[in-house]
Amino acid sequence: MVKKKLPGILEYFIHDQLEDDPSFSYRSMFGWYGIYRYWKIFSILLWNQLYFKVWENNRQDYLDYWSEAFKYKKKTWVVWVMSYYELPEDVMENRELLFEWIEKSLSVETKTKKKTQKDRELDKKILEFLQEIPKWKVSSYKNLWIRFEVHPRKIASVMKYNKSPGIYPCYKVLADSGKLSGYNTDRWVEEKVEKLQADGIEIINGTVDKKYFI
């Protein structure tokens, strides 16, 4: 299968400005791209323009650059999506400032649907399953979303907001490929590697062999 070529600006943003930092990822969505850090979206790419998430904490930064909010037409209506503004070229080219703006976009507060009792019970079941994984084994996001019949983003969300990693070992949940990524601590992958190796799990070139998966 031929790998889809990335838009030039996205390739430059990910490979050059972010230096292929593995904490960042992107996903194609019906002609546009969502850009994430630790599974949290902070930017979108549409029509070859990057837009960053904006709220009260960072809107003035964009207004100072005369940046415009993302807008689109739907049938005969013009709909303004006020939560995303164009990323100024000056910021794109200044890596120190760019990372400051990324952090501000990541800190934007968003309204989320209040969890029901059923949601909380499911979260608990998913976390409790982690305790059943033997010390010398790991599992995958794919295994969990198949087991619990939920969307993959649900599993990622439960892992990210796990408030008791010492009790529920979310470091044992990996990508199906075995490649290490995503651990919500200051030391991130380094700490994940240490925990897995302490469990007797061998890691070669940043990847865990399939023999360790349950």
N, C-alpha and C. Protein backbone atom coordinates (compact mmCIF):
# COMPACT_ATOMS: atom_id res chain seq x y z
N MET A 1 0.84 -1.19 0.00
CA MET A 1 0.00 0.00 0.00
C MET A 1 0.88 1.25 0.00
N VAL A 2 0.57 2.18 -0.89
CA VAL A 2 1.34 3.41 -0.98
C VAL A 2 0.93 4.36 0.15
N LYS A 3 1.91 4.82 0.89
CA LYS A 3 1.62 5.72 2.01
C LYS A 3 1.20 7.09 1.49
N LYS A 4 0.12 7.60 2.02
CA LYS A 4 -0.40 8.89 1.58
C LYS A 4 0.60 10.00 1.91
N LYS A 5 0.88 10.83 0.92
CA LYS A 5 1.82 11.94 1.11
C LYS A 5 1.17 13.03 1.95
N LEU A 6 1.90 13.53 2.93
CA LEU A 6 1.38 14.57 3.80
C LEU A 6 1.41 15.92 3.09
N PRO A 7 0.47 16.81 3.43
CA PRO A 7 0.55 18.18 2.92
C PRO A 7 1.89 18.79 3.35
N GLY A 8 2.47 19.61 2.50
CA GLY A 8 3.79 20.16 2.76
C GLY A 8 3.90 20.88 4.09
N ILE A 9 2.90 21.67 4.45
CA ILE A 9 2.98 22.44 5.68
C ILE A 9 2.93 21.53 6.91
N LEU A 10 2.17 20.43 6.81
CA LEU A 10 2.10 19.50 7.94
C LEU A 10 3.42 18.75 8.08
N GLU A 11 4.00 18.35 6.98
CA GLU A 11 5.28 17.65 7.01
C GLU A 11 6.36 18.57 7.62
N TYR A 12 6.35 19.83 7.22
CA TYR A 12 7.31 20.80 7.76
C TYR A 12 7.09 21.00 9.26
N PHE A 13 5.84 21.12 9.67
CA PHE A 13 5.49 21.35 11.07
C PHE A 13 5.93 20.18 11.95
N ILE A 14 5.61 18.96 11.51
CA ILE A 14 5.90 17.77 12.31
C ILE A 14 7.40 17.42 12.28
N HIS A 15 7.98 17.37 11.08
CA HIS A 15 9.35 16.88 10.94
C HIS A 15 10.41 17.93 11.23
N ASP A 16 10.16 19.17 10.86
CA ASP A 16 11.18 20.20 11.03
C ASP A 16 11.00 20.97 12.34
N GLN A 17 9.85 21.60 12.49
CA GLN A 17 9.65 22.45 13.67
C GLN A 17 9.50 21.63 14.96
N LEU A 18 8.83 20.49 14.89
CA LEU A 18 8.65 19.66 16.10
C LEU A 18 9.70 18.56 16.18
N GLU A 19 10.56 18.47 15.19
CA GLU A 19 11.69 17.53 15.16
C GLU A 19 11.26 16.09 15.43
N ASP A 20 10.12 15.71 14.85
CA ASP A 20 9.61 14.33 14.98
C ASP A 20 9.46 13.90 16.45
N ASP A 21 9.18 14.85 17.31
CA ASP A 21 8.94 14.54 18.73
C ASP A 21 7.79 13.52 18.81
N PRO A 22 8.03 12.32 19.38
CA PRO A 22 7.00 11.27 19.39
C PRO A 22 5.78 11.58 20.25
N SER A 23 5.83 12.66 21.04
CA SER A 23 4.65 13.02 21.82
C SER A 23 3.57 13.64 20.95
N PHE A 24 3.95 14.03 19.72
CA PHE A 24 3.00 14.63 18.79
C PHE A 24 2.53 13.60 17.77
N SER A 25 1.28 13.71 17.38
CA SER A 25 0.74 12.82 16.36
C SER A 25 -0.30 13.58 15.54
N TYR A 26 -0.74 12.98 14.46
CA TYR A 26 -1.75 13.62 13.61
C TYR A 26 -2.68 12.54 13.06
N ARG A 27 -3.85 12.98 12.64
CA ARG A 27 -4.83 12.04 12.11
C ARG A 27 -5.62 12.71 10.99
N SER A 28 -5.73 12.01 9.87
CA SER A 28 -6.49 12.52 8.74
C SER A 28 -7.98 12.33 9.00
N MET A 29 -8.77 13.39 8.76
CA MET A 29 -10.20 13.34 9.03
C MET A 29 -10.97 13.99 7.89
N PHE A 30 -11.34 13.19 6.89
CA PHE A 30 -12.20 13.68 5.82
C PHE A 30 -11.67 14.95 5.15
N GLY A 31 -10.40 14.93 4.78
CA GLY A 31 -9.84 16.06 4.06
C GLY A 31 -9.11 17.07 4.91
N TRP A 32 -9.21 16.95 6.24
CA TRP A 32 -8.45 17.83 7.12
C TRP A 32 -7.69 16.97 8.13
N TYR A 33 -6.82 17.57 8.90
CA TYR A 33 -6.00 16.84 9.86
C TYR A 33 -6.16 17.41 11.26
N GLY A 34 -6.22 16.52 12.23
CA GLY A 34 -6.16 16.92 13.63
C GLY A 34 -4.75 16.64 14.12
N ILE A 35 -4.19 17.55 14.92
CA ILE A 35 -2.82 17.39 15.43
C ILE A 35 -2.89 17.34 16.95
N TYR A 36 -2.22 16.35 17.53
CA TYR A 36 -2.37 16.04 18.95
C TYR A 36 -1.03 16.03 19.67
N ARG A 37 -1.11 16.22 20.97
CA ARG A 37 0.02 15.91 21.85
C ARG A 37 -0.53 15.11 23.02
N TYR A 38 0.05 13.93 23.25
CA TYR A 38 -0.47 13.02 24.28
C TYR A 38 -1.99 12.82 24.10
N TRP A 39 -2.42 12.60 22.87
CA TRP A 39 -3.82 12.32 22.52
C TRP A 39 -4.75 13.52 22.66
N LYS A 40 -4.24 14.67 23.01
CA LYS A 40 -5.10 15.84 23.14
C LYS A 40 -4.91 16.75 21.95
N ILE A 41 -6.00 17.07 21.26
CA ILE A 41 -5.91 17.89 20.06
C ILE A 41 -5.66 19.35 20.43
N PHE A 42 -4.76 19.98 19.67
CA PHE A 42 -4.50 21.40 19.91
C PHE A 42 -4.47 22.19 18.61
N SER A 43 -4.49 21.49 17.47
CA SER A 43 -4.38 22.18 16.19
C SER A 43 -5.10 21.40 15.11
N ILE A 44 -5.55 22.11 14.07
CA ILE A 44 -6.13 21.47 12.90
C ILE A 44 -5.49 22.07 11.65
N LEU A 45 -5.43 21.28 10.60
CA LEU A 45 -4.91 21.75 9.32
C LEU A 45 -6.03 21.65 8.29
N LEU A 46 -6.39 22.80 7.72
CA LEU A 46 -7.39 22.84 6.66
C LEU A 46 -6.91 23.78 5.57
N TRP A 47 -7.10 23.35 4.33
CA TRP A 47 -6.77 24.19 3.18
C TRP A 47 -5.35 24.75 3.29
N ASN A 48 -4.43 23.89 3.73
CA ASN A 48 -3.01 24.24 3.81
C ASN A 48 -2.73 25.36 4.82
N GLN A 49 -3.58 25.49 5.81
CA GLN A 49 -3.39 26.49 6.87
C GLN A 49 -3.53 25.82 8.23
N LEU A 50 -2.57 26.06 9.11
CA LEU A 50 -2.64 25.55 10.47
C LEU A 50 -3.45 26.50 11.35
N TYR A 51 -4.34 25.92 12.16
CA TYR A 51 -5.11 26.68 13.13
C TYR A 51 -4.86 26.07 14.51
N PHE A 52 -4.68 26.94 15.52
CA PHE A 52 -4.48 26.49 16.90
C PHE A 52 -5.74 26.76 17.71
N LYS A 53 -5.94 25.91 18.71
CA LYS A 53 -7.10 26.07 19.60
C LYS A 53 -6.92 27.33 20.45
N VAL A 54 -7.99 28.09 20.57
CA VAL A 54 -7.93 29.39 21.23
C VAL A 54 -9.09 29.55 22.21
N TRP A 55 -8.79 30.23 23.33
CA TRP A 55 -9.83 30.59 24.29
C TRP A 55 -9.36 31.86 24.99
N GLU A 56 -9.96 32.18 26.11
CA GLU A 56 -9.65 33.44 26.77
C GLU A 56 -8.18 33.55 27.17
N ASN A 57 -7.55 32.43 27.48
CA ASN A 57 -6.17 32.46 27.95
C ASN A 57 -5.16 32.82 26.85
N ASN A 58 -5.55 32.69 25.57
CA ASN A 58 -4.57 32.95 24.51
C ASN A 58 -5.12 33.68 23.29
N ARG A 59 -6.37 34.11 23.32
CA ARG A 59 -6.95 34.77 22.14
C ARG A 59 -6.21 36.06 21.77
N GLN A 60 -5.82 36.83 22.79
CA GLN A 60 -5.17 38.11 22.50
C GLN A 60 -3.85 37.92 21.74
N ASP A 61 -3.16 36.80 22.00
CA ASP A 61 -1.92 36.51 21.27
C ASP A 61 -2.17 36.53 19.76
N TYR A 62 -3.28 35.94 19.36
CA TYR A 62 -3.61 35.83 17.93
C TYR A 62 -4.12 37.16 17.38
N LEU A 63 -4.88 37.85 18.19
CA LEU A 63 -5.39 39.15 17.74
C LEU A 63 -4.25 40.14 17.52
N ASP A 64 -3.20 40.04 18.33
CA ASP A 64 -2.05 40.93 18.17
C ASP A 64 -1.36 40.73 16.82
N TYR A 65 -1.53 39.54 16.25
CA TYR A 65 -0.96 39.25 14.94
C TYR A 65 -2.00 39.40 13.82
N TRP A 66 -3.14 39.93 14.15
CA TRP A 66 -4.24 40.07 13.19
C TRP A 66 -4.65 38.71 12.60
N SER A 67 -4.51 37.68 13.42
CA SER A 67 -4.88 36.34 12.99
C SER A 67 -6.40 36.21 12.94
N GLU A 68 -6.91 35.45 11.98
CA GLU A 68 -8.35 35.29 11.82
C GLU A 68 -8.81 33.93 12.32
N ALA A 69 -10.05 33.90 12.81
CA ALA A 69 -10.65 32.65 13.25
C ALA A 69 -11.02 31.79 12.05
N PHE A 70 -10.99 30.50 12.26
CA PHE A 70 -11.39 29.58 11.20
C PHE A 70 -12.88 29.74 10.92
N LYS A 71 -13.25 29.72 9.65
CA LYS A 71 -14.65 29.81 9.27
C LYS A 71 -14.91 28.92 8.07
N TYR A 72 -16.15 28.50 7.93
CA TYR A 72 -16.51 27.69 6.77
C TYR A 72 -17.97 27.91 6.43
N LYS A 73 -18.30 27.58 5.20
CA LYS A 73 -19.67 27.73 4.75
C LYS A 73 -20.39 26.39 4.78
N LYS A 74 -21.61 26.42 5.23
CA LYS A 74 -22.44 25.23 5.21
C LYS A 74 -23.76 25.60 4.55
N LYS A 75 -23.95 25.11 3.31
CA LYS A 75 -25.10 25.48 2.49
C LYS A 75 -25.08 27.00 2.29
N THR A 76 -26.08 27.70 2.75
CA THR A 76 -26.12 29.15 2.53
C THR A 76 -25.67 29.93 3.76
N TRP A 77 -25.26 29.22 4.80
CA TRP A 77 -24.89 29.90 6.05
C TRP A 77 -23.38 29.98 6.18
N VAL A 78 -22.92 31.04 6.82
CA VAL A 78 -21.50 31.16 7.17
C VAL A 78 -21.38 30.85 8.66
N VAL A 79 -20.60 29.83 8.97
CA VAL A 79 -20.46 29.40 10.36
C VAL A 79 -19.04 29.73 10.84
N TRP A 80 -18.95 30.46 11.91
CA TRP A 80 -17.64 30.81 12.47
C TRP A 80 -17.30 29.85 13.61
N VAL A 81 -16.16 29.21 13.49
CA VAL A 81 -15.69 28.33 14.57
C VAL A 81 -14.66 29.13 15.36
N MET A 82 -15.09 29.73 16.44
CA MET A 82 -14.26 30.70 17.15
C MET A 82 -13.14 30.08 17.98
N SER A 83 -13.13 28.77 18.12
CA SER A 83 -12.13 28.16 19.00
C SER A 83 -10.80 27.87 18.31
N TYR A 84 -10.69 28.16 17.00
CA TYR A 84 -9.43 27.95 16.28
C TYR A 84 -9.06 29.19 15.47
N TYR A 85 -7.80 29.63 15.61
CA TYR A 85 -7.30 30.79 14.88
C TYR A 85 -6.06 30.39 14.07
N GLU A 86 -5.82 31.13 12.99
CA GLU A 86 -4.65 30.87 12.15
C GLU A 86 -3.36 31.02 12.96
N LEU A 87 -2.44 30.12 12.74
CA LEU A 87 -1.13 30.23 13.38
C LEU A 87 -0.28 31.19 12.57
N PRO A 88 0.16 32.30 13.15
CA PRO A 88 0.99 33.27 12.41
C PRO A 88 2.31 32.65 11.95
N GLU A 89 2.77 33.04 10.78
CA GLU A 89 4.01 32.52 10.23
C GLU A 89 5.20 32.83 11.13
N ASP A 90 5.20 34.02 11.76
CA ASP A 90 6.30 34.40 12.65
C ASP A 90 6.43 33.43 13.82
N VAL A 91 5.30 32.94 14.30
CA VAL A 91 5.31 32.00 15.42
C VAL A 91 5.78 30.63 14.94
N MET A 92 5.32 30.22 13.77
CA MET A 92 5.75 28.94 13.20
C MET A 92 7.27 28.86 13.10
N GLU A 93 7.91 29.98 12.75
CA GLU A 93 9.35 29.97 12.52
C GLU A 93 10.18 30.18 13.78
N ASN A 94 9.52 30.47 14.90
CA ASN A 94 10.22 30.69 16.17
C ASN A 94 9.90 29.51 17.09
N ARG A 95 10.80 28.52 17.15
CA ARG A 95 10.49 27.27 17.85
C ARG A 95 10.17 27.48 19.32
N GLU A 96 10.91 28.36 20.00
CA GLU A 96 10.66 28.60 21.43
C GLU A 96 9.26 29.17 21.63
N LEU A 97 8.89 30.15 20.81
CA LEU A 97 7.55 30.75 20.90
C LEU A 97 6.50 29.75 20.46
N LEU A 98 6.81 28.96 19.45
CA LEU A 98 5.86 27.96 18.95
C LEU A 98 5.45 27.00 20.05
N PHE A 99 6.42 26.51 20.82
CA PHE A 99 6.10 25.57 21.90
C PHE A 99 5.31 26.25 23.02
N GLU A 100 5.56 27.52 23.24
CA GLU A 100 4.76 28.25 24.23
C GLU A 100 3.30 28.30 23.79
N TRP A 101 3.09 28.57 22.50
CA TRP A 101 1.72 28.65 21.98
C TRP A 101 1.05 27.28 21.97
N ILE A 102 1.82 26.24 21.72
CA ILE A 102 1.27 24.88 21.77
C ILE A 102 0.77 24.59 23.18
N GLU A 103 1.59 24.92 24.19
CA GLU A 103 1.20 24.66 25.58
C GLU A 103 -0.05 25.45 25.96
N LYS A 104 -0.16 26.67 25.47
CA LYS A 104 -1.36 27.47 25.76
C LYS A 104 -2.59 26.83 25.13
N SER A 105 -2.44 26.33 23.90
CA SER A 105 -3.58 25.68 23.23
C SER A 105 -3.97 24.39 23.94
N LEU A 106 -2.98 23.68 24.45
CA LEU A 106 -3.26 22.45 25.19
C LEU A 106 -3.97 22.72 26.51
N SER A 107 -3.76 23.92 27.06
CA SER A 107 -4.37 24.26 28.35
C SER A 107 -5.77 24.85 28.20
N VAL A 108 -6.22 25.01 26.96
CA VAL A 108 -7.56 25.55 26.74
C VAL A 108 -8.60 24.64 27.37
N GLU A 109 -9.48 25.23 28.14
CA GLU A 109 -10.55 24.47 28.78
C GLU A 109 -11.68 24.24 27.78
N THR A 110 -12.13 23.02 27.68
CA THR A 110 -13.25 22.70 26.80
C THR A 110 -14.39 22.12 27.62
N LYS A 111 -15.59 22.35 27.15
CA LYS A 111 -16.77 21.81 27.82
C LYS A 111 -16.91 20.33 27.46
N THR A 112 -17.03 19.51 28.46
CA THR A 112 -17.18 18.08 28.22
C THR A 112 -18.47 17.59 28.85
N LYS A 113 -19.02 16.55 28.24
CA LYS A 113 -20.25 15.98 28.74
C LYS A 113 -20.01 15.31 30.10
N LYS A 114 -20.86 15.58 31.04
CA LYS A 114 -20.73 15.00 32.36
C LYS A 114 -20.90 13.49 32.29
N LYS A 115 -19.99 12.76 32.94
CA LYS A 115 -20.05 11.31 32.89
C LYS A 115 -21.23 10.77 33.68
N THR A 116 -21.85 9.76 33.12
CA THR A 116 -22.95 9.08 33.80
C THR A 116 -22.38 8.01 34.72
N GLN A 117 -23.23 7.45 35.54
CA GLN A 117 -22.80 6.37 36.42
C GLN A 117 -22.31 5.18 35.59
N LYS A 118 -22.97 4.94 34.46
CA LYS A 118 -22.58 3.85 33.58
C LYS A 118 -21.17 4.09 33.03
N ASP A 119 -20.89 5.35 32.66
CA ASP A 119 -19.55 5.70 32.15
C ASP A 119 -18.48 5.45 33.21
N ARG A 120 -18.77 5.87 34.43
CA ARG A 120 -17.80 5.72 35.52
C ARG A 120 -17.55 4.24 35.83
N GLU A 121 -18.60 3.45 35.78
CA GLU A 121 -18.46 2.01 36.04
C GLU A 121 -17.60 1.34 34.96
N LEU A 122 -17.80 1.77 33.70
CA LEU A 122 -17.00 1.21 32.61
C LEU A 122 -15.53 1.61 32.75
N ASP A 123 -15.30 2.88 33.11
CA ASP A 123 -13.91 3.34 33.34
C ASP A 123 -13.24 2.47 34.40
N LYS A 124 -13.97 2.18 35.46
CA LYS A 124 -13.41 1.39 36.55
C LYS A 124 -13.09 -0.03 36.09
N LYS A 125 -13.97 -0.62 35.28
CA LYS A 125 -13.74 -1.98 34.78
C LYS A 125 -12.49 -2.03 33.90
N ILE A 126 -12.32 -0.99 33.07
CA ILE A 126 -11.14 -0.94 32.20
C ILE A 126 -9.87 -0.84 33.03
N LEU A 127 -9.89 0.03 34.05
CA LEU A 127 -8.71 0.19 34.91
C LEU A 127 -8.43 -1.07 35.71
N GLU A 128 -9.48 -1.72 36.20
CA GLU A 128 -9.30 -2.94 37.00
C GLU A 128 -8.73 -4.07 36.15
N PHE A 129 -9.04 -4.06 34.85
CA PHE A 129 -8.47 -5.08 33.97
C PHE A 129 -6.95 -4.97 33.94
N LEU A 130 -6.43 -3.75 34.05
CA LEU A 130 -4.98 -3.56 34.03
C LEU A 130 -4.31 -4.32 35.17
N GLN A 131 -5.01 -4.43 36.30
CA GLN A 131 -4.44 -5.14 37.45
C GLN A 131 -4.33 -6.64 37.19
N GLU A 132 -5.08 -7.12 36.21
CA GLU A 132 -5.07 -8.55 35.90
C GLU A 132 -3.95 -8.94 34.92
N ILE A 133 -3.29 -7.95 34.35
CA ILE A 133 -2.21 -8.24 33.40
C ILE A 133 -1.00 -8.74 34.19
N PRO A 134 -0.50 -9.93 33.89
CA PRO A 134 0.66 -10.45 34.63
C PRO A 134 1.85 -9.50 34.54
N LYS A 135 2.72 -9.56 35.52
CA LYS A 135 3.86 -8.65 35.61
C LYS A 135 4.72 -8.69 34.35
N TRP A 136 4.89 -9.87 33.75
CA TRP A 136 5.79 -10.02 32.60
C TRP A 136 5.05 -9.88 31.26
N LYS A 137 3.83 -9.34 31.31
CA LYS A 137 3.04 -9.20 30.09
C LYS A 137 2.55 -7.75 29.92
N VAL A 138 2.09 -7.43 28.71
CA VAL A 138 1.48 -6.14 28.42
C VAL A 138 0.21 -6.39 27.61
N SER A 139 -0.55 -5.32 27.38
CA SER A 139 -1.73 -5.42 26.53
C SER A 139 -1.67 -4.26 25.53
N SER A 140 -2.69 -4.14 24.70
CA SER A 140 -2.70 -3.09 23.69
C SER A 140 -4.02 -2.33 23.74
N TYR A 141 -4.00 -1.11 23.18
CA TYR A 141 -5.23 -0.34 23.08
C TYR A 141 -6.27 -1.11 22.28
N LYS A 142 -5.81 -1.76 21.22
CA LYS A 142 -6.73 -2.52 20.37
C LYS A 142 -7.40 -3.64 21.16
N ASN A 143 -6.61 -4.36 21.95
CA ASN A 143 -7.16 -5.44 22.76
C ASN A 143 -8.23 -4.92 23.70
N LEU A 144 -7.98 -3.77 24.31
CA LEU A 144 -8.93 -3.22 25.27
C LEU A 144 -10.21 -2.73 24.61
N TRP A 145 -10.10 -2.03 23.46
CA TRP A 145 -11.34 -1.54 22.87
C TRP A 145 -12.17 -2.67 22.28
N ILE A 146 -11.51 -3.77 21.88
CA ILE A 146 -12.28 -4.94 21.42
C ILE A 146 -12.93 -5.64 22.61
N ARG A 147 -12.16 -5.79 23.68
CA ARG A 147 -12.66 -6.48 24.87
C ARG A 147 -13.87 -5.74 25.47
N PHE A 148 -13.80 -4.41 25.54
CA PHE A 148 -14.86 -3.65 26.19
C PHE A 148 -15.85 -3.03 25.19
N GLU A 149 -15.64 -3.30 23.89
CA GLU A 149 -16.56 -2.86 22.84
C GLU A 149 -16.80 -1.35 22.90
N VAL A 150 -15.71 -0.60 22.90
CA VAL A 150 -15.80 0.86 22.94
C VAL A 150 -14.91 1.44 21.84
N HIS A 151 -15.06 2.73 21.59
CA HIS A 151 -14.23 3.41 20.62
C HIS A 151 -12.79 3.50 21.15
N PRO A 152 -11.77 3.38 20.26
CA PRO A 152 -10.38 3.47 20.72
C PRO A 152 -10.08 4.73 21.53
N ARG A 153 -10.75 5.84 21.21
CA ARG A 153 -10.50 7.08 21.96
C ARG A 153 -10.92 6.94 23.42
N LYS A 154 -11.89 6.08 23.67
CA LYS A 154 -12.34 5.86 25.05
C LYS A 154 -11.20 5.27 25.87
N ILE A 155 -10.50 4.29 25.31
CA ILE A 155 -9.39 3.66 26.01
C ILE A 155 -8.28 4.67 26.25
N ALA A 156 -7.96 5.44 25.21
CA ALA A 156 -6.90 6.46 25.35
C ALA A 156 -7.25 7.46 26.44
N SER A 157 -8.52 7.84 26.51
CA SER A 157 -8.96 8.81 27.51
C SER A 157 -8.84 8.24 28.92
N VAL A 158 -9.24 6.98 29.10
CA VAL A 158 -9.16 6.36 30.43
C VAL A 158 -7.70 6.27 30.88
N MET A 159 -6.80 5.91 29.95
CA MET A 159 -5.39 5.82 30.30
C MET A 159 -4.83 7.20 30.67
N LYS A 160 -5.21 8.20 29.88
CA LYS A 160 -4.67 9.54 30.11
C LYS A 160 -5.10 10.11 31.45
N TYR A 161 -6.35 9.88 31.84
CA TYR A 161 -6.88 10.49 33.06
C TYR A 161 -6.86 9.53 34.25
N ASN A 162 -6.06 8.48 34.15
CA ASN A 162 -5.87 7.56 35.26
C ASN A 162 -5.18 8.30 36.40
N LYS A 163 -5.88 8.50 37.50
CA LYS A 163 -5.35 9.27 38.62
C LYS A 163 -4.54 8.42 39.60
N SER A 164 -4.54 7.10 39.37
CA SER A 164 -3.82 6.22 40.30
C SER A 164 -2.96 5.23 39.52
N PRO A 165 -1.93 5.72 38.80
CA PRO A 165 -1.09 4.82 38.01
C PRO A 165 -0.34 3.80 38.86
N GLY A 166 -0.16 4.11 40.15
CA GLY A 166 0.48 3.14 41.02
C GLY A 166 -0.40 1.95 41.32
N ILE A 167 -1.70 2.13 41.18
CA ILE A 167 -2.67 1.06 41.42
C ILE A 167 -3.09 0.40 40.10
N TYR A 168 -3.33 1.25 39.11
CA TYR A 168 -3.77 0.77 37.79
C TYR A 168 -2.64 1.02 36.79
N PRO A 169 -1.86 -0.01 36.46
CA PRO A 169 -0.63 0.16 35.66
C PRO A 169 -0.89 0.45 34.17
N CYS A 170 -1.23 1.69 33.87
CA CYS A 170 -1.54 2.06 32.49
C CYS A 170 -0.30 2.02 31.59
N TYR A 171 0.90 1.98 32.20
CA TYR A 171 2.11 1.89 31.39
C TYR A 171 2.18 0.57 30.62
N LYS A 172 1.35 -0.42 31.02
CA LYS A 172 1.37 -1.72 30.38
C LYS A 172 0.47 -1.78 29.14
N VAL A 173 -0.14 -0.66 28.79
CA VAL A 173 -1.00 -0.61 27.59
C VAL A 173 -0.22 0.09 26.48
N LEU A 174 0.01 -0.63 25.38
CA LEU A 174 0.85 -0.13 24.29
C LEU A 174 0.08 -0.12 22.98
N ALA A 175 0.68 0.51 21.99
CA ALA A 175 0.14 0.43 20.63
C ALA A 175 0.20 -1.03 20.18
N ASP A 176 -0.67 -1.44 19.29
CA ASP A 176 -0.71 -2.82 18.83
C ASP A 176 0.60 -3.23 18.18
N SER A 177 1.34 -2.26 17.65
CA SER A 177 2.63 -2.55 17.01
C SER A 177 3.72 -2.85 18.03
N GLY A 178 3.47 -2.50 19.29
CA GLY A 178 4.47 -2.68 20.33
C GLY A 178 5.38 -1.48 20.50
N LYS A 179 5.23 -0.48 19.63
CA LYS A 179 6.09 0.71 19.70
C LYS A 179 5.69 1.55 20.91
N LEU A 180 6.68 2.02 21.64
CA LEU A 180 6.42 2.78 22.85
C LEU A 180 6.06 4.23 22.55
N SER A 181 4.99 4.68 23.16
CA SER A 181 4.59 6.09 23.06
C SER A 181 3.54 6.32 24.12
N GLY A 182 3.37 7.58 24.49
CA GLY A 182 2.27 7.96 25.35
C GLY A 182 2.32 7.48 26.79
N TYR A 183 2.87 8.30 27.67
CA TYR A 183 2.78 8.04 29.11
C TYR A 183 2.69 9.40 29.77
N ASN A 184 1.63 9.65 30.47
CA ASN A 184 1.30 11.01 30.90
C ASN A 184 2.03 11.43 32.18
N THR A 185 3.38 11.49 32.07
CA THR A 185 4.19 12.00 33.17
C THR A 185 5.24 12.94 32.60
N ASP A 186 5.94 13.64 33.48
CA ASP A 186 6.96 14.58 33.02
C ASP A 186 8.08 13.87 32.24
N ARG A 187 8.39 12.64 32.65
CA ARG A 187 9.49 11.91 32.00
C ARG A 187 9.00 11.04 30.86
N TRP A 188 7.73 10.91 30.71
CA TRP A 188 7.05 10.29 29.58
C TRP A 188 7.62 8.92 29.23
N VAL A 189 8.15 8.73 27.99
CA VAL A 189 8.56 7.41 27.52
C VAL A 189 9.68 6.82 28.37
N GLU A 190 10.59 7.66 28.84
CA GLU A 190 11.71 7.18 29.64
C GLU A 190 11.21 6.43 30.88
N GLU A 191 10.22 6.99 31.55
CA GLU A 191 9.67 6.33 32.74
C GLU A 191 8.93 5.05 32.36
N LYS A 192 8.23 5.08 31.23
CA LYS A 192 7.51 3.89 30.77
C LYS A 192 8.48 2.75 30.51
N VAL A 193 9.60 3.07 29.88
CA VAL A 193 10.63 2.06 29.60
C VAL A 193 11.15 1.45 30.89
N GLU A 194 11.43 2.29 31.88
CA GLU A 194 11.96 1.80 33.15
C GLU A 194 10.97 0.85 33.83
N LYS A 195 9.70 1.19 33.81
CA LYS A 195 8.68 0.35 34.45
C LYS A 195 8.54 -0.99 33.74
N LEU A 196 8.55 -0.96 32.41
CA LEU A 196 8.41 -2.20 31.65
C LEU A 196 9.63 -3.10 31.85
N GLN A 197 10.81 -2.51 31.83
CA GLN A 197 12.02 -3.30 32.03
C GLN A 197 12.06 -3.89 33.44
N ALA A 198 11.54 -3.15 34.41
CA ALA A 198 11.48 -3.67 35.78
C ALA A 198 10.55 -4.88 35.87
N ASP A 199 9.61 -4.98 34.94
CA ASP A 199 8.69 -6.12 34.89
C ASP A 199 9.27 -7.28 34.10
N GLY A 200 10.51 -7.12 33.63
CA GLY A 200 11.15 -8.18 32.88
C GLY A 200 10.79 -8.20 31.40
N ILE A 201 10.29 -7.09 30.88
CA ILE A 201 9.88 -7.00 29.48
C ILE A 201 11.01 -6.39 28.66
N GLU A 202 11.45 -7.10 27.65
CA GLU A 202 12.56 -6.64 26.81
C GLU A 202 12.06 -5.63 25.78
N ILE A 203 12.85 -4.57 25.60
CA ILE A 203 12.51 -3.52 24.63
C ILE A 203 13.67 -3.37 23.66
N ILE A 204 13.38 -3.53 22.37
CA ILE A 204 14.40 -3.42 21.34
C ILE A 204 13.99 -2.34 20.35
N ASN A 205 14.86 -1.35 20.20
CA ASN A 205 14.59 -0.22 19.29
C ASN A 205 13.24 0.44 19.58
N GLY A 206 12.96 0.61 20.88
CA GLY A 206 11.73 1.29 21.28
C GLY A 206 10.47 0.50 21.06
N THR A 207 10.60 -0.82 20.89
CA THR A 207 9.44 -1.66 20.59
C THR A 207 9.43 -2.90 21.47
N VAL A 208 8.23 -3.31 21.92
CA VAL A 208 8.06 -4.53 22.70
C VAL A 208 7.59 -5.65 21.77
N ASP A 209 8.24 -6.79 21.87
CA ASP A 209 7.91 -7.93 21.01
C ASP A 209 6.50 -8.45 21.31
N LYS A 210 5.87 -9.00 20.28
CA LYS A 210 4.49 -9.51 20.40
C LYS A 210 4.39 -10.66 21.42
N LYS A 211 5.50 -11.33 21.72
CA LYS A 211 5.44 -12.46 22.65
C LYS A 211 5.04 -12.02 24.05
N TYR A 212 5.16 -10.72 24.34
CA TYR A 212 4.81 -10.22 25.67
C TYR A 212 3.34 -9.82 25.79
N PHE A 213 2.62 -9.81 24.67
CA PHE A 213 1.23 -9.34 24.68
C PHE A 213 0.25 -10.42 25.11
N ILE A 214 -0.79 -10.01 25.80
CA ILE A 214 -1.88 -10.94 26.11
C ILE A 214 -3.11 -10.54 25.27
